[in-house]
């Protein structure tokens, strides 16, 4: 099976708000949701998406990407204001904390 690539363009974080209790802008939260198990009014287990590559603009140099659901770090690279994150497998959903600076 081929890998899946998702690319975001534009000012992705322009409307971002600080998390409650945070006074800095040192991290961003990215949610990935797999809707493959949703069909009209019914729901079944989603089909896992494997070898997912997510690319998005970044405001600064990231220092790490942590999966809050999977409890693991993700491989990433940054170049020319773009961040690429490699996700080996996406089940139902994942929340990623992107550390900046």
Protein backbone atom coordinates (compact mmCIF):
# COMPACT_ATOMS: atom_id res chain seq x y z
CA UNK A 1 0.00 0.00 0.00
CA UNK A 2 1.24 3.51 -0.80
CA UNK A 3 1.74 6.15 1.86
CA UNK A 4 -0.78 8.95 2.39
CA UNK A 5 0.30 12.61 2.32
CA UNK A 6 -1.76 15.46 3.81
CA UNK A 7 -0.56 19.01 3.14
CA UNK A 8 -1.92 22.14 4.83
CA UNK A 9 -1.34 25.59 3.30
CA UNK A 10 -1.76 29.17 4.47
CA UNK A 11 -1.92 30.69 7.95
CA UNK A 12 -2.83 27.56 9.85
CA UNK A 13 -2.12 28.97 13.32
CA UNK A 14 -3.36 32.55 12.85
CA UNK A 15 -6.47 31.98 14.98
CA UNK A 16 -4.77 29.71 17.49
CA UNK A 17 -5.53 30.38 21.13
CA UNK A 18 -3.44 29.69 24.17
CA UNK A 19 -4.34 26.62 26.14
CA UNK A 20 -5.99 27.30 29.51
CA UNK A 21 -3.34 27.96 32.14
CA UNK A 22 -0.61 28.67 29.56
CA UNK A 23 0.92 32.09 29.18
CA UNK A 24 3.27 31.37 26.30
CA UNK A 25 3.06 30.22 22.70
CA UNK A 26 5.67 27.47 23.00
CA UNK A 27 3.48 24.65 21.63
CA UNK A 28 0.67 23.92 19.21
CA UNK A 29 -1.87 21.08 19.22
CA UNK A 30 -2.76 19.23 16.02
CA UNK A 31 -5.70 16.81 15.93
CA UNK A 32 -5.89 14.04 13.32
CA UNK A 33 -9.24 12.24 13.02
CA UNK A 34 -9.87 9.10 10.97
CA UNK A 35 -13.48 9.19 9.71
CA UNK A 36 -13.24 5.97 7.68
CA UNK A 37 -15.60 4.12 10.06
CA UNK A 38 -18.41 6.68 9.82
CA UNK A 39 -21.12 5.95 7.26
CA UNK A 40 -24.24 8.14 7.53
CA UNK A 41 -25.83 7.32 10.88
CA UNK A 42 -23.80 4.16 11.51
CA UNK A 43 -20.32 3.70 12.90
CA UNK A 44 -17.87 0.82 12.68
CA UNK A 45 -14.22 0.55 13.67
CA UNK A 46 -12.12 2.78 11.40
CA UNK A 47 -9.69 1.37 8.86
CA UNK A 48 -6.18 2.21 10.12
CA UNK A 49 -4.29 4.66 7.91
CA UNK A 50 -0.66 3.60 7.59
CA UNK A 51 2.43 5.54 6.51
CA UNK A 52 0.80 8.94 6.86
CA UNK A 53 2.90 12.05 6.16
CA UNK A 54 1.48 15.37 7.42
CA UNK A 55 3.00 18.63 6.18
CA UNK A 56 2.05 22.04 7.56
CA UNK A 57 3.43 25.55 7.98
CA UNK A 58 5.23 26.29 11.23
CA UNK A 59 5.81 29.60 13.00
CA UNK A 60 9.20 28.70 14.39
CA UNK A 61 11.74 25.91 14.67
CA UNK A 62 10.06 22.89 16.30
CA UNK A 63 11.92 21.01 19.00
CA UNK A 64 9.70 17.92 19.11
CA UNK A 65 6.37 16.29 18.23
CA UNK A 66 4.64 14.13 20.85
CA UNK A 67 1.55 11.97 20.33
CA UNK A 68 -0.71 12.44 23.32
CA UNK A 69 -2.98 9.49 22.49
CA UNK A 70 -0.28 7.04 21.35
CA UNK A 71 2.08 8.18 24.12
CA UNK A 72 5.06 8.38 21.80
CA UNK A 73 7.25 10.81 19.89
CA UNK A 74 6.88 11.12 16.12
CA UNK A 75 9.65 11.52 13.56
CA UNK A 76 9.62 14.98 12.02
CA UNK A 77 11.66 17.36 9.93
CA UNK A 78 11.47 21.12 9.37
CA UNK A 79 12.66 23.09 6.36
CA UNK A 80 11.85 26.58 5.03
CA UNK A 81 8.94 27.17 7.42
CA UNK A 82 7.34 23.76 6.77
CA UNK A 83 7.00 20.90 9.24
CA UNK A 84 6.65 17.28 8.08
CA UNK A 85 5.49 14.65 10.57
CA UNK A 86 5.64 10.90 9.88
CA UNK A 87 2.78 8.90 11.40
CA UNK A 88 3.29 5.11 11.06
CA UNK A 89 -0.39 4.39 11.81
CA UNK A 90 -3.49 6.45 12.61
CA UNK A 91 -6.31 4.58 14.30
CA UNK A 92 -9.40 6.54 15.35
CA UNK A 93 -7.59 9.77 16.25
CA UNK A 94 -4.39 11.35 17.51
CA UNK A 95 -3.56 14.64 19.21
CA UNK A 96 -0.04 15.91 18.59
CA UNK A 97 1.76 18.45 20.71
CA UNK A 98 4.22 20.39 18.56
CA UNK A 99 6.88 21.97 20.75
CA UNK A 100 8.35 25.20 19.38
CA UNK A 101 11.75 26.64 20.19
